[in-house]
Amino acid sequence: MPNSSADSRLLLASGSPRRAELLAQIRVPFTRITPSVPEQQRAGETPQDYIRRLAQEKAEAGLSMAGDSGDELWALGADTLVLAGDKVLEKPENFADFESMMHSLSGGEHSVLTALCLRGSGRQFSQVVETRVRFRHLNKRVIESYWRTGEPADKAGGYGIQGLGAALVESISGSYSNVVGLPLEALVPMLENAGIRYWVGAEDIT
């Protein structure tokens, strides 16, 4: 139902430019807002439960920020993390931290988990998606050269598959867009269930 006439409106509760680009890729009209949600894993909280909670809190905060617009609003919250074994890899604090991350990922597989929460008035759709990523063997020169590009500094796990970090990857199993930060394969059915349009304007392309 890409051309539904439903008048739903979508709020992207995220400051991530990559998530905005993925929504724009499938032509979903949206407004971006950036709620302030503390990102702190609780004692005893699994990585899956942690990102599921954050995605829900971001969606809830997004709706609260919007207030009462008189229209049916939906807010999309999302959170992504990189998991090497049972260790969560956050954004690197410095080169030493980044180098340690790259050595832990080199030549092996790791998981990228993204939680989605699409929340409206009285309804919610949520899911956690996992993609397995295998890195090629990384030597000191490659690790140092990638750090100098500046790209790893603000990336969970220290790399961006949609950018220069693609050169580190040997293979993936699962959703590519999930590794970027927004698994479209899981999101599109949620949009359909909420009556939110995608491919908007594509019918005008000749």
Protein backbone atom coordinates (compact mmCIF):
# COMPACT_ATOMS: atom_id res chain seq x y z
CA MET A 1 0.00 0.00 0.00
CA PRO A 2 2.66 2.56 -0.87
CA ASN A 3 0.11 5.01 -2.23
CA SER A 4 -2.33 4.95 0.69
CA SER A 5 -4.33 8.13 1.14
CA ALA A 6 -3.95 8.02 4.92
CA ASP A 7 -3.00 11.40 6.37
CA SER A 8 -0.53 10.09 8.93
CA ARG A 9 2.55 12.12 9.77
CA LEU A 10 5.93 10.74 10.76
CA LEU A 11 8.42 12.21 13.21
CA LEU A 12 11.95 10.85 13.07
CA ALA A 13 13.10 11.04 16.69
CA SER A 14 16.79 10.92 15.83
CA GLY A 15 19.59 13.30 14.95
CA SER A 16 21.29 10.68 12.76
CA PRO A 17 21.78 11.93 9.19
CA ARG A 18 22.09 8.32 8.04
CA ARG A 19 18.60 7.43 9.28
CA ALA A 20 17.21 10.53 7.60
CA GLU A 21 18.92 9.54 4.34
CA LEU A 22 17.43 6.03 4.47
CA LEU A 23 13.91 7.39 5.00
CA ALA A 24 14.45 9.81 2.13
CA GLN A 25 15.70 6.93 -0.03
CA ILE A 26 12.25 5.30 0.06
CA ARG A 27 10.54 8.71 -0.11
CA VAL A 28 8.87 8.83 3.27
CA PRO A 29 7.78 12.37 4.24
CA PHE A 30 8.96 13.09 7.78
CA THR A 31 9.96 15.78 10.22
CA ARG A 32 13.14 15.27 12.19
CA ILE A 33 13.33 16.10 15.89
CA THR A 34 16.06 15.27 18.37
CA PRO A 35 14.81 14.29 21.82
CA SER A 36 17.24 14.16 24.71
CA VAL A 37 17.28 10.59 26.03
CA PRO A 38 20.07 9.41 28.37
CA GLU A 39 21.91 6.46 26.82
CA GLN A 40 23.06 4.44 29.80
CA GLN A 41 22.79 0.66 30.00
CA ARG A 42 21.25 -0.48 33.27
CA ALA A 43 22.71 -3.16 35.50
CA GLY A 44 21.56 -6.58 34.33
CA GLU A 45 20.05 -5.18 31.13
CA THR A 46 20.85 -7.21 28.01
CA PRO A 47 22.04 -5.33 24.90
CA GLN A 48 18.75 -6.22 23.16
CA ASP A 49 16.65 -4.93 26.06
CA TYR A 50 18.84 -1.84 26.32
CA ILE A 51 18.37 -0.69 22.73
CA ARG A 52 14.70 -1.72 22.74
CA ARG A 53 14.14 0.54 25.74
CA LEU A 54 16.08 3.42 24.17
CA ALA A 55 14.11 3.20 20.91
CA GLN A 56 10.84 3.29 22.84
CA GLU A 57 11.96 6.19 25.04
CA LYS A 58 13.05 8.16 21.98
CA ALA A 59 9.70 7.57 20.26
CA GLU A 60 7.79 8.56 23.40
CA ALA A 61 9.93 11.68 23.83
CA GLY A 62 9.40 12.57 20.18
CA LEU A 63 5.62 12.47 20.55
CA SER A 64 5.82 14.55 23.72
CA MET A 65 7.91 17.20 21.96
CA ALA A 66 5.37 17.42 19.14
CA GLY A 67 2.51 18.20 21.50
CA ASP A 68 -1.08 18.21 20.26
CA SER A 69 -1.06 19.00 16.55
CA GLY A 70 -4.62 17.85 15.85
CA ASP A 71 -3.34 15.20 13.42
CA GLU A 72 -2.45 11.57 13.95
CA LEU A 73 1.26 11.56 14.64
CA TRP A 74 3.69 8.69 14.66
CA ALA A 75 7.19 8.92 16.07
CA LEU A 76 10.01 6.62 15.01
CA GLY A 77 12.70 5.90 17.57
CA ALA A 78 15.76 3.78 16.79
CA ASP A 79 18.99 2.77 18.43
CA THR A 80 21.93 0.79 17.03
CA LEU A 81 24.84 -0.91 18.73
CA VAL A 82 27.76 -3.09 17.74
CA LEU A 83 28.29 -6.25 19.74
CA ALA A 84 31.59 -8.16 19.70
CA GLY A 85 30.92 -11.34 21.62
CA ASP A 86 29.19 -10.04 24.75
CA LYS A 87 30.92 -6.65 24.67
CA VAL A 88 29.07 -3.54 23.50
CA LEU A 89 31.30 -1.32 21.34
CA GLU A 90 30.38 2.34 21.72
CA LYS A 91 31.92 5.28 19.86
CA PRO A 92 35.72 5.25 20.35
CA GLU A 93 36.98 7.65 22.99
CA ASN A 94 40.40 8.03 21.39
CA PHE A 95 42.80 6.25 19.05
CA ALA A 96 43.85 3.67 21.65
CA ASP A 97 40.19 2.77 22.21
CA PHE A 98 39.57 2.61 18.46
CA GLU A 99 42.65 0.45 17.88
CA SER A 100 41.48 -1.99 20.54
CA MET A 101 38.06 -2.19 18.84
CA MET A 102 39.58 -2.88 15.45
CA HIS A 103 41.76 -5.67 16.83
CA SER A 104 38.70 -7.26 18.45
CA LEU A 105 36.78 -7.10 15.14
CA SER A 106 39.63 -8.02 12.78
CA GLY A 107 39.18 -11.31 10.94
CA GLY A 108 35.98 -12.25 12.73
CA GLU A 109 32.24 -11.76 12.89
CA HIS A 110 30.32 -9.32 15.04
CA SER A 111 26.67 -8.36 15.42
CA VAL A 112 25.00 -5.08 14.61
CA LEU A 113 21.68 -4.70 16.43
CA THR A 114 19.08 -2.03 15.74
CA ALA A 115 15.87 -1.57 17.69
CA LEU A 116 12.94 0.18 16.03
CA CYS A 117 9.91 1.63 17.78
CA LEU A 118 7.11 3.25 15.77
CA ARG A 119 4.71 4.79 18.26
CA GLY A 120 1.37 6.51 17.74
CA SER A 121 -1.55 7.36 19.95
CA GLY A 122 -2.41 4.10 21.68
CA ARG A 123 -0.48 1.91 19.23
CA GLN A 124 3.11 0.78 18.90
CA PHE A 125 5.17 -1.46 16.63
CA SER A 126 8.64 -2.54 17.66
CA GLN A 127 11.37 -4.95 16.58
CA VAL A 128 15.06 -5.68 17.10
CA VAL A 129 17.02 -6.61 13.95
CA GLU A 130 20.42 -8.31 13.89
CA THR A 131 22.98 -8.37 11.07
CA ARG A 132 26.21 -10.36 11.19
CA VAL A 133 29.24 -8.57 9.78
CA ARG A 134 32.61 -10.19 9.05
CA PHE A 135 35.72 -8.03 8.91
CA ARG A 136 38.79 -8.89 6.88
CA HIS A 137 42.11 -9.12 8.72
CA LEU A 138 43.27 -5.59 9.54
CA ASN A 139 46.92 -4.67 9.90
CA LYS A 140 48.35 -1.71 11.79
CA ARG A 141 48.69 0.41 8.65
CA VAL A 142 45.01 -0.02 7.71
CA ILE A 143 43.84 0.71 11.25
CA GLU A 144 45.94 3.86 11.54
CA SER A 145 44.99 5.06 8.05
CA TYR A 146 41.28 4.64 8.69
CA TRP A 147 41.52 6.54 11.98
CA ARG A 148 43.21 9.45 10.21
CA THR A 149 40.22 9.83 7.86
CA GLY A 150 38.21 11.08 10.85
CA GLU A 151 35.26 8.83 10.02
CA PRO A 152 35.46 6.43 13.01
CA ALA A 153 35.25 9.07 15.73
CA ASP A 154 31.45 9.36 15.87
CA LYS A 155 30.53 5.80 14.85
CA ALA A 156 29.37 3.04 17.20
CA GLY A 157 31.87 0.24 16.80
CA GLY A 158 34.31 2.65 15.19
CA TYR A 159 33.28 2.27 11.55
CA GLY A 160 30.66 3.28 8.98
CA ILE A 161 29.78 0.64 6.39
CA GLN A 162 28.11 3.25 4.19
CA GLY A 163 31.33 5.22 3.96
CA LEU A 164 35.05 4.57 3.97
CA GLY A 165 34.58 1.74 6.46
CA ALA A 166 33.17 -0.43 3.67
CA ALA A 167 36.78 -1.31 2.85
CA LEU A 168 37.07 -3.13 6.19
CA VAL A 169 34.17 -5.50 5.53
CA GLU A 170 34.55 -8.96 4.03
CA SER A 171 30.88 -10.00 4.09
CA ILE A 172 27.54 -9.41 5.80
CA SER A 173 24.65 -11.73 6.62
CA GLY A 174 21.35 -9.91 6.94
CA SER A 175 20.15 -6.38 6.36
CA TYR A 176 22.66 -3.86 4.99
CA SER A 177 20.48 -0.88 5.97
CA ASN A 178 20.43 -2.23 9.51
CA VAL A 179 24.21 -1.79 9.70
CA VAL A 180 23.77 1.79 8.49
CA GLY A 181 21.25 2.35 11.30
CA LEU A 182 17.70 1.80 10.02
CA PRO A 183 16.63 -1.66 8.78
CA LEU A 184 14.20 -0.81 5.98
CA GLU A 185 13.13 -4.45 5.60
CA ALA A 186 11.63 -4.31 9.10
CA LEU A 187 10.48 -0.69 8.94
CA VAL A 188 8.37 -0.81 5.77
CA PRO A 189 5.78 -3.29 7.16
CA MET A 190 5.49 -1.07 10.25
CA LEU A 191 4.83 1.97 8.05
CA GLU A 192 2.17 0.05 6.18
CA ASN A 193 0.47 -1.02 9.41
CA ALA A 194 0.47 2.59 10.56
CA GLY A 195 -0.86 3.88 7.23
CA ILE A 196 2.26 5.97 6.60
CA ARG A 197 3.07 6.51 2.96
CA TYR A 198 6.35 5.76 1.24
CA TRP A 199 7.40 6.18 -2.42
CA VAL A 200 5.70 9.58 -2.20
CA GLY A 201 6.10 11.36 -5.53
CA ALA A 202 7.57 8.31 -7.27
CA GLU A 203 4.39 7.95 -9.32
CA ASP A 204 5.27 11.27 -10.96
CA ILE A 205 8.58 9.98 -12.30
CA THR A 206 8.46 9.13 -16.00
